[in-house]
Amino acid sequence: MDKIILGLLMLKKLTIYELRSIIEMNFTSMCSNSMGSIQAAIKKLLEKKMIVYEEFVENSVNKKFYALTDAGKACFLEWVETSMVAGKVKDMELSKLFFMGFVPTQKRLSLIQSYIVDLKKEREQLENIKIQDINVAKLQYITYLEENQEQFNHFLQDTEHSNIQRDIQDIIDFELLTLKFGIDRTNFEIAWFENLKKKLINEWPNNSQNQGKGGS
């Protein structure tokens, strides 16, 4: 969570509500989008002096915009420039599949079908992230940088080409690759669990005879 927040703050200053909205839209498969989790991560980053905030009043509402410090930027860049580690992602929900032999047959099918429905909803959400929306966001971000000289200078220091259009396109290209990976992985899971459901249905007579071993 803390590295995702640092990465988002590499792009621009954000409020906690803006952070939550972005995480909810793009990172739910990677981390929690609960306000409690985000607040805990922000507290840790503030304690480590990796982020700071500026407070102001807008429409009679107090707001805090969070921004990176040099220490936060260095921490993020060190992390993002290391290789991804295979098998690092931990999914506790998968342990339910491991122990599903304790569950009665009818309940297994119900649980698997429920998961398939959720996966299809997740796929739909990913597919609804339109490329044109991303292009609009690109233009808005360019405008933001042009209107915020300090952030613009930081952006140029942290990117490779010193060409704002190309640098932002690089960022967007990898965002789209991550989106494609999420869709492809979800499609794989849907197909895998659909096949498992068919297998269990085909074995139903045998399973129903032994149903008592998992409870009733």
C-alpha atoms as a PDB file:
ATOM      1  CA  MET A   1       0.000   0.000   0.000  1.00  0.00           C
ATOM      2  CA  ASP A   2       2.711   2.514   0.974  1.00  0.00           C
ATOM      3  CA  LYS A   3       4.583   2.036  -2.323  1.00  0.00           C
ATOM      4  CA  ILE A   4       1.378   2.540  -4.323  1.00  0.00           C
ATOM      5  CA  ILE A   5       0.712   5.790  -2.459  1.00  0.00           C
ATOM      6  CA  LEU A   6       4.283   6.948  -3.101  1.00  0.00           C
ATOM      7  CA  GLY A   7       3.889   6.093  -6.791  1.00  0.00           C
ATOM      8  CA  LEU A   8       0.662   8.058  -7.105  1.00  0.00           C
ATOM      9  CA  LEU A   9       2.257  11.028  -5.361  1.00  0.00           C
ATOM     10  CA  MET A  10       5.103  10.869  -7.889  1.00  0.00           C
ATOM     11  CA  LEU A  11       2.515  12.082 -10.382  1.00  0.00           C
ATOM     12  CA  LYS A  12       0.828  14.836  -8.389  1.00  0.00           C
ATOM     13  CA  LYS A  13      -0.240  16.069  -4.959  1.00  0.00           C
ATOM     14  CA  LEU A  14      -3.408  14.316  -3.813  1.00  0.00           C
ATOM     15  CA  THR A  15      -5.900  14.343  -0.967  1.00  0.00           C
ATOM     16  CA  ILE A  16      -6.647  11.135   0.909  1.00  0.00           C
ATOM     17  CA  TYR A  17     -10.032  10.950  -0.834  1.00  0.00           C
ATOM     18  CA  GLU A  18      -8.403  11.286  -4.252  1.00  0.00           C
ATOM     19  CA  LEU A  19      -5.933   8.563  -3.295  1.00  0.00           C
ATOM     20  CA  ARG A  20      -8.748   6.267  -2.237  1.00  0.00           C
ATOM     21  CA  SER A  21     -10.692   6.911  -5.452  1.00  0.00           C
ATOM     22  CA  ILE A  22      -7.663   6.063  -7.627  1.00  0.00           C
ATOM     23  CA  ILE A  23      -6.822   2.957  -5.582  1.00  0.00           C
ATOM     24  CA  GLU A  24     -10.455   1.793  -5.698  1.00  0.00           C
ATOM     25  CA  MET A  25     -10.533   2.184  -9.474  1.00  0.00           C
ATOM     26  CA  ASN A  26      -7.137   0.722 -10.333  1.00  0.00           C
ATOM     27  CA  PHE A  27      -5.551  -1.276  -7.500  1.00  0.00           C
ATOM     28  CA  THR A  28      -8.232  -3.358  -5.769  1.00  0.00           C
ATOM     29  CA  SER A  29      -6.606  -6.567  -7.035  1.00  0.00           C
ATOM     30  CA  MET A  30      -3.314  -5.486  -5.409  1.00  0.00           C
ATOM     31  CA  CYS A  31      -4.302  -3.932  -2.099  1.00  0.00           C
ATOM     32  CA  SER A  32      -7.201  -2.915   0.123  1.00  0.00           C
ATOM     33  CA  ASN A  33      -9.071   0.271  -0.748  1.00  0.00           C
ATOM     34  CA  SER A  34     -10.428   0.763   2.766  1.00  0.00           C
ATOM     35  CA  MET A  35      -9.959   4.204   4.269  1.00  0.00           C
ATOM     36  CA  GLY A  36      -8.465   2.581   7.375  1.00  0.00           C
ATOM     37  CA  SER A  37      -5.704   0.875   5.364  1.00  0.00           C
ATOM     38  CA  ILE A  38      -4.921   4.069   3.450  1.00  0.00           C
ATOM     39  CA  GLN A  39      -4.852   6.162   6.621  1.00  0.00           C
ATOM     40  CA  ALA A  40      -2.511   3.634   8.281  1.00  0.00           C
ATOM     41  CA  ALA A  41      -0.140   3.756   5.289  1.00  0.00           C
ATOM     42  CA  ILE A  42      -0.188   7.555   5.237  1.00  0.00           C
ATOM     43  CA  LYS A  43       0.541   7.688   8.971  1.00  0.00           C
ATOM     44  CA  LYS A  44       3.539   5.378   8.483  1.00  0.00           C
ATOM     45  CA  LEU A  45       4.845   7.449   5.571  1.00  0.00           C
ATOM     46  CA  LEU A  46       4.471  10.675   7.553  1.00  0.00           C
ATOM     47  CA  GLU A  47       6.358   9.162  10.485  1.00  0.00           C
ATOM     48  CA  LYS A  48       9.163   8.120   8.141  1.00  0.00           C
ATOM     49  CA  LYS A  49       9.155  11.653   6.645  1.00  0.00           C
ATOM     50  CA  MET A  50       8.544  10.239   3.166  1.00  0.00           C
ATOM     51  CA  ILE A  51       5.531  12.472   2.608  1.00  0.00           C
ATOM     52  CA  VAL A  52       4.334  15.831   3.896  1.00  0.00           C
ATOM     53  CA  TYR A  53       1.044  17.642   3.578  1.00  0.00           C
ATOM     54  CA  GLU A  54      -0.203  21.163   3.089  1.00  0.00           C
ATOM     55  CA  GLU A  55      -3.538  22.117   4.584  1.00  0.00           C
ATOM     56  CA  PHE A  56      -6.016  24.644   3.212  1.00  0.00           C
ATOM     57  CA  VAL A  57      -9.716  25.457   3.215  1.00  0.00           C
ATOM     58  CA  GLU A  58     -11.848  24.997   0.107  1.00  0.00           C
ATOM     59  CA  ASN A  59     -15.571  25.793   0.168  1.00  0.00           C
ATOM     60  CA  SER A  60     -15.434  25.882   3.981  1.00  0.00           C
ATOM     61  CA  VAL A  61     -13.912  22.373   4.038  1.00  0.00           C
ATOM     62  CA  ASN A  62     -10.452  21.656   5.446  1.00  0.00           C
ATOM     63  CA  LYS A  63      -8.328  19.682   2.988  1.00  0.00           C
ATOM     64  CA  LYS A  64      -4.865  18.159   3.110  1.00  0.00           C
ATOM     65  CA  PHE A  65      -2.837  17.658  -0.040  1.00  0.00           C
ATOM     66  CA  TYR A  66      -0.106  15.044   0.381  1.00  0.00           C
ATOM     67  CA  ALA A  67       3.200  15.324  -1.462  1.00  0.00           C
ATOM     68  CA  LEU A  68       6.474  13.389  -1.642  1.00  0.00           C
ATOM     69  CA  THR A  69       9.645  14.377   0.150  1.00  0.00           C
ATOM     70  CA  ASP A  70      13.066  13.619  -1.338  1.00  0.00           C
ATOM     71  CA  ALA A  71      13.261  10.614   1.002  1.00  0.00           C
ATOM     72  CA  GLY A  72       9.903   9.317  -0.238  1.00  0.00           C
ATOM     73  CA  LYS A  73      10.919   9.765  -3.844  1.00  0.00           C
ATOM     74  CA  ALA A  74      14.218   7.956  -3.285  1.00  0.00           C
ATOM     75  CA  CYS A  75      12.425   5.087  -1.513  1.00  0.00           C
ATOM     76  CA  PHE A  76       9.913   4.708  -4.340  1.00  0.00           C
ATOM     77  CA  LEU A  77      12.517   4.817  -7.120  1.00  0.00           C
ATOM     78  CA  GLU A  78      14.718   2.268  -5.323  1.00  0.00           C
ATOM     79  CA  TRP A  79      11.687  -0.050  -4.980  1.00  0.00           C
ATOM     80  CA  VAL A  80      10.324   0.332  -8.510  1.00  0.00           C
ATOM     81  CA  GLU A  81      13.758  -0.205 -10.076  1.00  0.00           C
ATOM     82  CA  THR A  82      14.149  -3.653  -8.519  1.00  0.00           C
ATOM     83  CA  SER A  83      12.961  -6.776 -10.321  1.00  0.00           C
ATOM     84  CA  MET A  84       9.511  -8.193  -9.614  1.00  0.00           C
ATOM     85  CA  VAL A  85       9.663 -11.339  -7.453  1.00  0.00           C
ATOM     86  CA  ALA A  86       7.840 -14.427  -8.754  1.00  0.00           C
ATOM     87  CA  GLY A  87       5.262 -15.816  -6.359  1.00  0.00           C
ATOM     88  CA  LYS A  88       5.395 -12.723  -4.145  1.00  0.00           C
ATOM     89  CA  VAL A  89       1.669 -11.942  -4.393  1.00  0.00           C
ATOM     90  CA  LYS A  90      -0.194 -13.454  -1.441  1.00  0.00           C
ATOM     91  CA  ASP A  91      -3.864 -14.297  -1.864  1.00  0.00           C
ATOM     92  CA  MET A  92      -5.365 -15.690   1.329  1.00  0.00           C
ATOM     93  CA  GLU A  93      -8.634 -16.378  -0.484  1.00  0.00           C
ATOM     94  CA  LEU A  94      -6.848 -19.116  -2.452  1.00  0.00           C
ATOM     95  CA  SER A  95      -6.397 -21.052   0.801  1.00  0.00           C
ATOM     96  CA  LYS A  96     -10.181 -21.601   0.772  1.00  0.00           C
ATOM     97  CA  LEU A  97      -9.729 -23.641  -2.409  1.00  0.00           C
ATOM     98  CA  PHE A  98      -6.962 -25.628  -0.692  1.00  0.00           C
ATOM     99  CA  PHE A  99      -9.296 -26.591   2.162  1.00  0.00           C
ATOM    100  CA  MET A 100     -12.493 -26.959   0.114  1.00  0.00           C
ATOM    101  CA  GLY A 101     -12.422 -30.728   0.597  1.00  0.00           C
ATOM    102  CA  PHE A 102     -14.004 -30.080   3.997  1.00  0.00           C
ATOM    103  CA  VAL A 103     -17.021 -28.411   2.347  1.00  0.00           C
ATOM    104  CA  PRO A 104     -20.137 -30.391   1.258  1.00  0.00           C
ATOM    105  CA  THR A 105     -20.512 -30.902  -2.492  1.00  0.00           C
ATOM    106  CA  GLN A 106     -23.513 -28.614  -3.057  1.00  0.00           C
ATOM    107  CA  LYS A 107     -21.816 -25.867  -1.075  1.00  0.00           C
ATOM    108  CA  ARG A 108     -18.610 -26.224  -3.108  1.00  0.00           C
ATOM    109  CA  LEU A 109     -20.518 -25.598  -6.336  1.00  0.00           C
ATOM    110  CA  SER A 110     -22.281 -22.624  -4.802  1.00  0.00           C
ATOM    111  CA  LEU A 111     -19.010 -21.095  -3.599  1.00  0.00           C
ATOM    112  CA  ILE A 112     -17.286 -21.614  -6.946  1.00  0.00           C
ATOM    113  CA  GLN A 113     -20.215 -20.161  -8.866  1.00  0.00           C
ATOM    114  CA  SER A 114     -20.272 -17.129  -6.564  1.00  0.00           C
ATOM    115  CA  TYR A 115     -16.560 -16.587  -7.187  1.00  0.00           C
ATOM    116  CA  ILE A 116     -17.055 -16.849 -10.956  1.00  0.00           C
ATOM    117  CA  VAL A 117     -19.759 -14.172 -10.770  1.00  0.00           C
ATOM    118  CA  ASP A 118     -17.401 -11.900  -8.816  1.00  0.00           C
ATOM    119  CA  LEU A 119     -14.609 -12.515 -11.328  1.00  0.00           C
ATOM    120  CA  LYS A 120     -16.890 -11.537 -14.205  1.00  0.00           C
ATOM    121  CA  LYS A 121     -17.826  -8.339 -12.381  1.00  0.00           C
ATOM    122  CA  GLU A 122     -14.131  -7.575 -11.880  1.00  0.00           C
ATOM    123  CA  ARG A 123     -13.454  -8.196 -15.575  1.00  0.00           C
ATOM    124  CA  GLU A 124     -16.290  -5.879 -16.564  1.00  0.00           C
ATOM    125  CA  GLN A 125     -14.890  -3.179 -14.305  1.00  0.00           C
ATOM    126  CA  LEU A 126     -11.443  -3.541 -15.871  1.00  0.00           C
ATOM    127  CA  GLU A 127     -12.836  -3.521 -19.398  1.00  0.00           C
ATOM    128  CA  ASN A 128     -14.809  -0.362 -18.646  1.00  0.00           C
ATOM    129  CA  ILE A 129     -11.590   1.593 -18.201  1.00  0.00           C
ATOM    130  CA  LYS A 130     -11.696   3.206 -21.607  1.00  0.00           C
ATOM    131  CA  ILE A 131      -8.566   4.210 -23.531  1.00  0.00           C
ATOM    132  CA  GLN A 132     -10.187   7.548 -24.405  1.00  0.00           C
ATOM    133  CA  ASP A 133     -10.634   8.221 -20.691  1.00  0.00           C
ATOM    134  CA  ILE A 134      -6.929   7.615 -20.217  1.00  0.00           C
ATOM    135  CA  ASN A 135      -6.135  10.022 -23.056  1.00  0.00           C
ATOM    136  CA  VAL A 136      -8.320  12.664 -21.409  1.00  0.00           C
ATOM    137  CA  ALA A 137      -6.461  12.053 -18.162  1.00  0.00           C
ATOM    138  CA  LYS A 138      -3.180  12.502 -20.058  1.00  0.00           C
ATOM    139  CA  LEU A 139      -4.222  15.927 -21.315  1.00  0.00           C
ATOM    140  CA  GLN A 140      -5.470  16.921 -17.865  1.00  0.00           C
ATOM    141  CA  TYR A 141      -2.172  15.838 -16.332  1.00  0.00           C
ATOM    142  CA  ILE A 142      -0.155  17.856 -18.846  1.00  0.00           C
ATOM    143  CA  THR A 143      -2.276  20.894 -17.964  1.00  0.00           C
ATOM    144  CA  TYR A 144      -1.716  20.197 -14.258  1.00  0.00           C
ATOM    145  CA  LEU A 145       2.069  20.088 -14.722  1.00  0.00           C
ATOM    146  CA  GLU A 146       2.066  23.255 -16.791  1.00  0.00           C
ATOM    147  CA  GLU A 147       0.153  25.046 -14.022  1.00  0.00           C
ATOM    148  CA  ASN A 148       2.360  23.698 -11.197  1.00  0.00           C
ATOM    149  CA  GLN A 149       5.966  24.620 -11.904  1.00  0.00           C
ATOM    150  CA  GLU A 150       7.406  22.836  -8.861  1.00  0.00           C
ATOM    151  CA  GLN A 151       5.714  19.545  -9.759  1.00  0.00           C
ATOM    152  CA  PHE A 152       6.709  20.047 -13.407  1.00  0.00           C
ATOM    153  CA  ASN A 153      10.372  20.427 -12.436  1.00  0.00           C
ATOM    154  CA  HIS A 154      10.227  17.308 -10.247  1.00  0.00           C
ATOM    155  CA  PHE A 155       8.600  15.376 -13.088  1.00  0.00           C
ATOM    156  CA  LEU A 156      11.357  16.285 -15.533  1.00  0.00           C
ATOM    157  CA  GLN A 157      14.046  15.357 -12.988  1.00  0.00           C
ATOM    158  CA  ASP A 158      12.540  11.914 -12.409  1.00  0.00           C
ATOM    159  CA  THR A 159      11.899  10.888 -16.021  1.00  0.00           C
ATOM    160  CA  GLU A 160      14.208   9.822 -18.797  1.00  0.00           C
ATOM    161  CA  HIS A 161      13.577  11.927 -21.884  1.00  0.00           C
ATOM    162  CA  SER A 162      12.950  15.469 -20.583  1.00  0.00           C
ATOM    163  CA  ASN A 163      10.108  15.428 -23.106  1.00  0.00           C
ATOM    164  CA  ILE A 164       6.804  15.767 -21.285  1.00  0.00           C
ATOM    165  CA  GLN A 165       4.655  14.173 -23.986  1.00  0.00           C
ATOM    166  CA  ARG A 166       6.905  11.145 -24.373  1.00  0.00           C
ATOM    167  CA  ASP A 167       7.468  10.703 -20.643  1.00  0.00           C
ATOM    168  CA  ILE A 168       3.746  10.746 -19.880  1.00  0.00           C
ATOM    169  CA  GLN A 169       3.077   8.341 -22.764  1.00  0.00           C
ATOM    170  CA  ASP A 170       5.624   5.926 -21.257  1.00  0.00           C
ATOM    171  CA  ILE A 171       3.745   6.025 -17.959  1.00  0.00           C
ATOM    172  CA  ILE A 172       0.391   5.476 -19.696  1.00  0.00           C
ATOM    173  CA  ASP A 173       1.739   2.604 -21.829  1.00  0.00           C
ATOM    174  CA  PHE A 174       2.698   0.623 -18.724  1.00  0.00           C
ATOM    175  CA  GLU A 175      -0.592   1.468 -17.039  1.00  0.00           C
ATOM    176  CA  LEU A 176      -2.345  -0.044 -20.078  1.00  0.00           C
ATOM    177  CA  LEU A 177      -0.091  -3.120 -19.964  1.00  0.00           C
ATOM    178  CA  THR A 178      -1.036  -3.621 -16.308  1.00  0.00           C
ATOM    179  CA  LEU A 179      -4.707  -3.259 -17.253  1.00  0.00           C
ATOM    180  CA  LYS A 180      -4.295  -5.888 -20.002  1.00  0.00           C
ATOM    181  CA  PHE A 181      -2.542  -8.224 -17.551  1.00  0.00           C
ATOM    182  CA  GLY A 182      -5.430  -7.842 -15.099  1.00  0.00           C
ATOM    183  CA  ILE A 183      -7.996  -8.665 -17.793  1.00  0.00           C
ATOM    184  CA  ASP A 184      -5.998 -11.650 -19.086  1.00  0.00           C
ATOM    185  CA  ARG A 185      -5.470 -13.023 -15.573  1.00  0.00           C
ATOM    186  CA  THR A 186      -9.161 -12.637 -14.756  1.00  0.00           C
ATOM    187  CA  ASN A 187     -10.106 -14.428 -17.982  1.00  0.00           C
ATOM    188  CA  PHE A 188      -7.763 -17.276 -17.030  1.00  0.00           C
ATOM    189  CA  GLU A 189      -9.329 -17.567 -13.563  1.00  0.00           C
ATOM    190  CA  ILE A 190     -12.857 -17.555 -14.988  1.00  0.00           C
ATOM    191  CA  ALA A 191     -12.007 -20.338 -17.450  1.00  0.00           C
ATOM    192  CA  TRP A 192     -10.171 -22.343 -14.767  1.00  0.00           C
ATOM    193  CA  PHE A 193     -13.023 -22.199 -12.248  1.00  0.00           C
ATOM    194  CA  GLU A 194     -15.647 -22.855 -14.944  1.00  0.00           C
ATOM    195  CA  ASN A 195     -13.755 -26.055 -15.776  1.00  0.00           C
ATOM    196  CA  LEU A 196     -13.555 -26.964 -12.096  1.00  0.00           C
ATOM    197  CA  LYS A 197     -17.298 -26.440 -11.715  1.00  0.00           C
ATOM    198  CA  LYS A 198     -17.980 -28.736 -14.698  1.00  0.00           C
ATOM    199  CA  LYS A 199     -15.648 -31.364 -13.245  1.00  0.00           C
ATOM    200  CA  LEU A 200     -17.467 -31.301  -9.912  1.00  0.00           C
ATOM    201  CA  ILE A 201     -20.867 -31.531 -11.624  1.00  0.00           C
ATOM    202  CA  ASN A 202     -19.704 -34.523 -13.689  1.00  0.00           C
ATOM    203  CA  GLU A 203     -18.454 -36.213 -10.528  1.00  0.00           C
ATOM    204  CA  TRP A 204     -21.613 -35.375  -8.572  1.00  0.00           C
ATOM    205  CA  PRO A 205     -22.866 -39.010  -8.195  1.00  0.00           C
ATOM    206  CA  ASN A 206     -19.552 -40.084  -6.639  1.00  0.00           C
ATOM    207  CA  ASN A 207     -19.320 -36.952  -4.511  1.00  0.00           C
ATOM    208  CA  SER A 208     -22.886 -37.233  -3.261  1.00  0.00           C
ATOM    209  CA  GLN A 209     -22.155 -40.747  -1.951  1.00  0.00           C
ATOM    210  CA  ASN A 210     -19.261 -39.406   0.089  1.00  0.00           C
ATOM    211  CA  GLN A 211     -20.887 -36.147   1.065  1.00  0.00           C
ATOM    212  CA  GLY A 212     -20.983 -37.013   4.744  1.00  0.00           C
ATOM    213  CA  LYS A 213     -17.237 -36.793   5.157  1.00  0.00           C
ATOM    214  CA  GLY A 214     -17.294 -33.011   4.823  1.00  0.00           C
ATOM    215  CA  GLY A 215     -20.359 -32.391   6.894  1.00  0.00           C
ATOM    216  CA  SER A 216     -23.917 -31.797   5.824  1.00  0.00           C
END
